[in-house]
PDB file of N, CA and C in Angstrom:
ATOM      1  N   MET A   1     184.315 146.497 153.030  1.00  0.00           N
ATOM      2  CA  MET A   1     183.416 145.827 151.871  1.00  0.00           C
ATOM      3  C   MET A   1     183.834 144.004 152.537  1.00  0.00           C
ATOM      4  N   THR A   2     183.116 143.112 152.830  1.00  0.00           N
ATOM      5  CA  THR A   2     183.472 141.705 153.536  1.00  0.00           C
ATOM      6  C   THR A   2     183.013 140.577 152.579  1.00  0.00           C
ATOM      7  N   ALA A   3     184.153 140.353 151.893  1.00  0.00           N
ATOM      8  CA  ALA A   3     184.065 138.831 150.768  1.00  0.00           C
ATOM      9  C   ALA A   3     183.392 137.188 151.548  1.00  0.00           C
ATOM     10  N   LEU A   4     182.114 137.078 151.078  1.00  0.00           N
ATOM     11  CA  LEU A   4     181.772 135.665 151.744  1.00  0.00           C
ATOM     12  C   LEU A   4     181.961 134.424 151.483  1.00  0.00           C
ATOM     13  N   THR A   5     182.445 133.650 152.317  1.00  0.00           N
ATOM     14  CA  THR A   5     183.014 132.390 151.727  1.00  0.00           C
ATOM     15  C   THR A   5     183.189 130.967 152.188  1.00  0.00           C
ATOM     16  N   THR A   6     182.726 129.898 151.739  1.00  0.00           N
ATOM     17  CA  THR A   6     182.195 129.136 152.497  1.00  0.00           C
ATOM     18  C   THR A   6     183.580 127.930 152.339  1.00  0.00           C
ATOM     19  N   THR A   7     183.202 127.111 153.046  1.00  0.00           N
ATOM     20  CA  THR A   7     184.649 126.315 153.559  1.00  0.00           C
ATOM     21  C   THR A   7     184.963 125.218 152.109  1.00  0.00           C
ATOM     22  N   ALA A   8     183.694 125.018 151.759  1.00  0.00           N
ATOM     23  CA  ALA A   8     183.641 123.590 151.011  1.00  0.00           C
ATOM     24  C   ALA A   8     183.003 124.615 149.181  1.00  0.00           C
ATOM     25  N   PRO A   9     183.065 124.761 148.406  1.00  0.00           N
ATOM     26  CA  PRO A   9     182.622 124.740 147.443  1.00  0.00           C
ATOM     27  C   PRO A   9     181.422 124.481 147.086  1.00  0.00           C
ATOM     28  N   ARG A  10     180.675 125.268 145.956  1.00  0.00           N
ATOM     29  CA  ARG A  10     179.015 125.198 145.867  1.00  0.00           C
ATOM     30  C   ARG A  10     179.291 123.693 144.958  1.00  0.00           C
ATOM     31  N   THR A  11     178.324 122.448 145.514  1.00  0.00           N
ATOM     32  CA  THR A  11     178.002 121.963 143.853  1.00  0.00           C
ATOM     33  C   THR A  11     177.381 122.051 142.864  1.00  0.00           C
ATOM     34  N   LEU A  12     177.457 122.070 141.727  1.00  0.00           N
ATOM     35  CA  LEU A  12     176.671 122.381 140.667  1.00  0.00           C
ATOM     36  C   LEU A  12     175.893 121.963 140.149  1.00  0.00           C
ATOM     37  N   ALA A  13     174.110 121.571 140.388  1.00  0.00           N
ATOM     38  CA  ALA A  13     173.503 121.399 140.087  1.00  0.00           C
ATOM     39  C   ALA A  13     173.915 121.053 138.381  1.00  0.00           C
ATOM     40  N   PRO A  14     172.721 119.624 137.929  1.00  0.00           N
ATOM     41  CA  PRO A  14     172.806 118.543 136.645  1.00  0.00           C
ATOM     42  C   PRO A  14     172.430 120.208 135.851  1.00  0.00           C
ATOM     43  N   THR A  15     172.884 120.332 134.839  1.00  0.00           N
ATOM     44  CA  THR A  15     172.082 121.144 133.788  1.00  0.00           C
ATOM     45  C   THR A  15     171.400 120.346 132.618  1.00  0.00           C
ATOM     46  N   ALA A  16     170.161 120.455 132.372  1.00  0.00           N
ATOM     47  CA  ALA A  16     169.149 119.758 131.348  1.00  0.00           C
ATOM     48  C   ALA A  16     170.284 119.240 129.974  1.00  0.00           C
ATOM     49  N   LEU A  17     171.620 119.766 129.512  1.00  0.00           N
ATOM     50  CA  LEU A  17     172.485 118.748 128.758  1.00  0.00           C
ATOM     51  C   LEU A  17     172.993 117.039 129.855  1.00  0.00           C
ATOM     52  N   ASP A  18     172.968 117.774 130.787  1.00  0.00           N
ATOM     53  CA  ASP A  18     173.709 116.996 131.740  1.00  0.00           C
ATOM     54  C   ASP A  18     172.036 115.299 131.330  1.00  0.00           C
ATOM     55  N   ARG A  19     171.514 115.589 131.662  1.00  0.00           N
ATOM     56  CA  ARG A  19     170.524 115.058 132.721  1.00  0.00           C
ATOM     57  C   ARG A  19     169.635 114.403 130.813  1.00  0.00           C
ATOM     58  N   ALA A  20     170.190 115.134 129.766  1.00  0.00           N
ATOM     59  CA  ALA A  20     169.544 114.529 128.797  1.00  0.00           C
ATOM     60  C   ALA A  20     170.284 113.234 128.160  1.00  0.00           C
ATOM     61  N   LEU A  21     171.738 113.685 128.827  1.00  0.00           N
ATOM     62  CA  LEU A  21     172.373 112.944 128.622  1.00  0.00           C
ATOM     63  C   LEU A  21     173.222 111.139 129.441  1.00  0.00           C
ATOM     64  N   LEU A  22     172.587 111.306 130.806  1.00  0.00           N
ATOM     65  CA  LEU A  22     171.670 110.133 131.023  1.00  0.00           C
ATOM     66  C   LEU A  22     171.027 109.829 130.997  1.00  0.00           C
ATOM     67  N   GLY A  23     170.235 110.414 130.290  1.00  0.00           N
ATOM     68  CA  GLY A  23     168.559 109.816 129.968  1.00  0.00           C
ATOM     69  C   GLY A  23     168.769 108.504 128.636  1.00  0.00           C
ATOM     70  N   LEU A  24     170.121 108.897 127.964  1.00  0.00           N
ATOM     71  CA  LEU A  24     170.378 108.959 126.211  1.00  0.00           C
ATOM     72  C   LEU A  24     171.473 107.909 127.103  1.00  0.00           C
ATOM     73  N   SER A  25     171.913 107.822 128.337  1.00  0.00           N
ATOM     74  CA  SER A  25     173.138 106.340 128.196  1.00  0.00           C
ATOM     75  C   SER A  25     172.359 105.516 128.472  1.00  0.00           C
ATOM     76  N   ARG A  26     171.276 105.781 129.735  1.00  0.00           N
ATOM     77  CA  ARG A  26     170.247 104.836 130.240  1.00  0.00           C
ATOM     78  C   ARG A  26     169.483 103.458 129.114  1.00  0.00           C
ATOM     79  N   MET A  27     169.932 104.611 128.189  1.00  0.00           N
ATOM     80  CA  MET A  27     167.733 103.578 126.913  1.00  0.00           C
ATOM     81  C   MET A  27     169.037 103.067 125.535  1.00  0.00           C
ATOM     82  N   LEU A  28     170.646 103.673 125.929  1.00  0.00           N
ATOM     83  CA  LEU A  28     170.693 102.795 124.803  1.00  0.00           C
ATOM     84  C   LEU A  28     171.746 101.144 126.367  1.00  0.00           C
ATOM     85  N   ALA A  29     171.542 102.070 127.250  1.00  0.00           N
ATOM     86  CA  ALA A  29     172.290 100.878 128.094  1.00  0.00           C
ATOM     87  C   ALA A  29     171.327  99.671 128.176  1.00  0.00           C
ATOM     88  N   ARG A  30     170.032 100.222 128.244  1.00  0.00           N
ATOM     89  CA  ARG A  30     168.902  98.554 128.156  1.00  0.00           C
ATOM     90  C   ARG A  30     168.940  98.124 126.313  1.00  0.00           C
ATOM     91  N   ALA A  31     169.157  99.542 125.630  1.00  0.00           N
ATOM     92  CA  ALA A  31     168.883  98.487 124.141  1.00  0.00           C
ATOM     93  C   ALA A  31     169.373  97.564 124.546  1.00  0.00           C
ATOM     94  N   ALA A  32     170.996  97.728 124.899  1.00  0.00           N
ATOM     95  CA  ALA A  32     172.359  96.656 124.665  1.00  0.00           C
ATOM     96  C   ALA A  32     172.081  95.851 125.461  1.00  0.00           C
ATOM     97  N   GLU A  33     171.420  95.644 126.856  1.00  0.00           N
ATOM     98  CA  GLU A  33     171.073  94.235 127.821  1.00  0.00           C
ATOM     99  C   GLU A  33     170.130  93.556 127.085  1.00  0.00           C
ATOM    100  N   SER A  34     168.526  93.727 126.222  1.00  0.00           N
ATOM    101  CA  SER A  34     167.297  93.196 125.544  1.00  0.00           C
ATOM    102  C   SER A  34     168.302  92.917 124.506  1.00  0.00           C
ATOM    103  N   ARG A  35     169.534  93.796 123.060  1.00  0.00           N
ATOM    104  CA  ARG A  35     169.897  92.655 122.194  1.00  0.00           C
ATOM    105  C   ARG A  35     170.626  91.933 123.234  1.00  0.00           C
ATOM    106  N   MET A  36     171.463  91.849 123.957  1.00  0.00           N
ATOM    107  CA  MET A  36     172.858  90.556 124.265  1.00  0.00           C
ATOM    108  C   MET A  36     171.073  89.796 124.645  1.00  0.00           C
ATOM    109  N   ARG A  37     169.917  89.940 125.713  1.00  0.00           N
ATOM    110  CA  ARG A  37     169.197  88.789 126.334  1.00  0.00           C
ATOM    111  C   ARG A  37     168.822  87.704 124.872  1.00  0.00           C
ATOM    112  N   ALA A  38     168.383  88.633 123.581  1.00  0.00           N
ATOM    113  CA  ALA A  38     167.272  88.300 122.871  1.00  0.00           C
ATOM    114  C   ALA A  38     168.289  87.347 122.513  1.00  0.00           C
ATOM    115  N   ARG A  39     170.256  87.491 121.830  1.00  0.00           N
ATOM    116  CA  ARG A  39     170.518  87.394 121.122  1.00  0.00           C
ATOM    117  C   ARG A  39     170.889  85.515 121.996  1.00  0.00           C
ATOM    118  N   ALA A  40     171.339  85.082 123.480  1.00  0.00           N
ATOM    119  CA  ALA A  40     171.661  84.554 124.006  1.00  0.00           C
ATOM    120  C   ALA A  40     170.230  83.937 124.191  1.00  0.00           C
ATOM    121  N   VAL A  41     168.870  84.334 123.865  1.00  0.00           N
ATOM    122  CA  VAL A  41     167.244  83.099 123.782  1.00  0.00           C
ATOM    123  C   VAL A  41     167.398  82.931 122.556  1.00  0.00           C
ATOM    124  N   ARG A  42     168.536  83.279 121.400  1.00  0.00           N
ATOM    125  CA  ARG A  42     167.899  82.794 119.337  1.00  0.00           C
ATOM    126  C   ARG A  42     168.273  81.452 119.107  1.00  0.00           C
ATOM    127  N   PRO A  43     168.900  80.834 119.689  1.00  0.00           N
ATOM    128  CA  PRO A  43     170.069  79.659 119.730  1.00  0.00           C
ATOM    129  C   PRO A  43     168.493  78.284 119.895  1.00  0.00           C
ATOM    130  N   VAL A  44     168.176  78.419 121.261  1.00  0.00           N
ATOM    131  CA  VAL A  44     167.004  78.138 122.053  1.00  0.00           C
ATOM    132  C   VAL A  44     165.511  78.449 120.375  1.00  0.00           C
ATOM    133  N   HIS A  45     165.274  79.554 120.027  1.00  0.00           N
ATOM    134  CA  HIS A  45     163.970  78.931 119.527  1.00  0.00           C
ATOM    135  C   HIS A  45     164.782  78.269 117.747  1.00  0.00           C
ATOM    136  N   SER A  46     165.702  78.712 117.546  1.00  0.00           N
ATOM    137  CA  SER A  46     166.363  78.006 115.994  1.00  0.00           C
ATOM    138  C   SER A  46     165.899  77.463 115.905  1.00  0.00           C
ATOM    139  N   GLU A  47     166.267  75.882 117.528  1.00  0.00           N
ATOM    140  CA  GLU A  47     167.041  74.289 117.714  1.00  0.00           C
ATOM    141  C   GLU A  47     165.007  74.384 117.600  1.00  0.00           C
ATOM    142  N   ALA A  48     164.324  74.762 118.336  1.00  0.00           N
ATOM    143  CA  ALA A  48     162.309  74.515 118.156  1.00  0.00           C
ATOM    144  C   ALA A  48     162.752  74.980 116.454  1.00  0.00           C
ATOM    145  N   ARG A  49     163.376  75.456 115.730  1.00  0.00           N
ATOM    146  CA  ARG A  49     162.665  75.732 114.802  1.00  0.00           C
ATOM    147  C   ARG A  49     162.962  74.362 114.036  1.00  0.00           C
ATOM    148  N   HIS A  50     164.756  74.056 113.497  1.00  0.00           N
ATOM    149  CA  HIS A  50     164.247  73.134 113.483  1.00  0.00           C
ATOM    150  C   HIS A  50     164.329  71.308 113.681  1.00  0.00           C
ATOM    151  N   ALA A  51     163.896  71.363 114.603  1.00  0.00           N
ATOM    152  CA  ALA A  51     163.280  70.586 115.520  1.00  0.00           C
ATOM    153  C   ALA A  51     161.778  70.333 115.080  1.00  0.00           C
ATOM    154  N   ALA A  52     160.792  71.095 114.663  1.00  0.00           N
ATOM    155  CA  ALA A  52     159.997  71.112 114.155  1.00  0.00           C
ATOM    156  C   ALA A  52     160.237  70.261 112.823  1.00  0.00           C
ATOM    157  N   ARG A  53     160.931  71.364 112.359  1.00  0.00           N
ATOM    158  CA  ARG A  53     161.143  70.912 110.565  1.00  0.00           C
ATOM    159  C   ARG A  53     161.752  69.729 109.863  1.00  0.00           C
ATOM    160  N   ALA A  54     161.750  68.618 111.109  1.00  0.00           N
ATOM    161  CA  ALA A  54     162.566  66.969 111.115  1.00  0.00           C
ATOM    162  C   ALA A  54     161.213  66.974 111.472  1.00  0.00           C
ATOM    163  N   ASP A  55     160.326  67.197 112.345  1.00  0.00           N
ATOM    164  CA  ASP A  55     158.856  66.369 112.677  1.00  0.00           C
ATOM    165  C   ASP A  55     157.942  67.079 111.361  1.00  0.00           C
ATOM    166  N   GLY A  56     158.360  67.168 110.776  1.00  0.00           N
ATOM    167  CA  GLY A  56     157.443  67.669 108.997  1.00  0.00           C
ATOM    168  C   GLY A  56     156.094  68.634 109.452  1.00  0.00           C
ATOM    169  N   ARG A  57     156.564  69.304 110.230  1.00  0.00           N
ATOM    170  CA  ARG A  57     155.570  70.222 110.145  1.00  0.00           C
ATOM    171  C   ARG A  57     155.230  71.509 109.309  1.00  0.00           C
ATOM    172  N   SER A  58     154.368  72.561 109.072  1.00  0.00           N
ATOM    173  CA  SER A  58     154.005  72.726 107.888  1.00  0.00           C
ATOM    174  C   SER A  58     154.951  74.010 108.963  1.00  0.00           C
ATOM    175  N   PRO A  59     154.778  75.285 107.285  1.00  0.00           N
ATOM    176  CA  PRO A  59     155.170  76.708 107.952  1.00  0.00           C
ATOM    177  C   PRO A  59     154.985  76.836 108.726  1.00  0.00           C
ATOM    178  N   TYR A  60     153.471  77.342 109.251  1.00  0.00           N
ATOM    179  CA  TYR A  60     152.230  77.736 109.658  1.00  0.00           C
ATOM    180  C   TYR A  60     151.972  77.212 111.272  1.00  0.00           C
ATOM    181  N   ALA A  61     152.165  76.162 111.243  1.00  0.00           N
ATOM    182  CA  ALA A  61     152.644  75.475 112.376  1.00  0.00           C
ATOM    183  C   ALA A  61     153.960  75.456 112.726  1.00  0.00           C
ATOM    184  N   GLU A  62     154.846  75.333 112.558  1.00  0.00           N
ATOM    185  CA  GLU A  62     156.050  76.280 112.877  1.00  0.00           C
ATOM    186  C   GLU A  62     156.151  77.123 113.622  1.00  0.00           C
ATOM    187  N   ALA A  63     155.491  78.485 113.206  1.00  0.00           N
ATOM    188  CA  ALA A  63     154.850  79.866 113.169  1.00  0.00           C
ATOM    189  C   ALA A  63     153.659  79.875 114.145  1.00  0.00           C
ATOM    190  N   GLU A  64     153.196  79.046 114.568  1.00  0.00           N
ATOM    191  CA  GLU A  64     152.276  78.721 115.408  1.00  0.00           C
ATOM    192  C   GLU A  64     153.162  78.997 116.537  1.00  0.00           C
ATOM    193  N   PHE A  65     153.549  77.669 116.764  1.00  0.00           N
ATOM    194  CA  PHE A  65     154.995  77.425 117.430  1.00  0.00           C
ATOM    195  C   PHE A  65     155.739  77.711 118.497  1.00  0.00           C
ATOM    196  N   TYR A  66     156.281  79.029 117.109  1.00  0.00           N
ATOM    197  CA  TYR A  66     157.314  80.050 118.023  1.00  0.00           C
ATOM    198  C   TYR A  66     156.980  81.288 118.669  1.00  0.00           C
ATOM    199  N   LEU A  67     154.863  81.194 118.266  1.00  0.00           N
ATOM    200  CA  LEU A  67     154.719  82.287 118.813  1.00  0.00           C
ATOM    201  C   LEU A  67     154.554  81.496 120.455  1.00  0.00           C
ATOM    202  N   ARG A  68     153.687  80.540 121.017  1.00  0.00           N
ATOM    203  CA  ARG A  68     153.730  80.156 121.524  1.00  0.00           C
ATOM    204  C   ARG A  68     154.498  79.974 122.435  1.00  0.00           C
ATOM    205  N   VAL A  69     156.148  79.193 122.193  1.00  0.00           N
ATOM    206  CA  VAL A  69     156.956  79.589 122.843  1.00  0.00           C
ATOM    207  C   VAL A  69     157.400  80.712 123.463  1.00  0.00           C
ATOM    208  N   ARG A  70     157.074  81.798 122.402  1.00  0.00           N
ATOM    209  CA  ARG A  70     157.901  83.229 122.769  1.00  0.00           C
ATOM    210  C   ARG A  70     156.858  83.902 123.733  1.00  0.00           C
TER     211      ARG A  70
END
């Protein structure tokens, strides 16, 4: 009886759990990146809001301005 041998060990295919963990990791990375970008933009919005209040705009006009800037 002879045994079949290979020169290199066979690589294991990723399991469903491996794929799920990879997908979860990517999703969390995207969420973290979008939160960091939102935080970077937030001071610009607060400056615009303070400028709008200084100009005497109403809260409704301020909200409309915020939606247009966004």
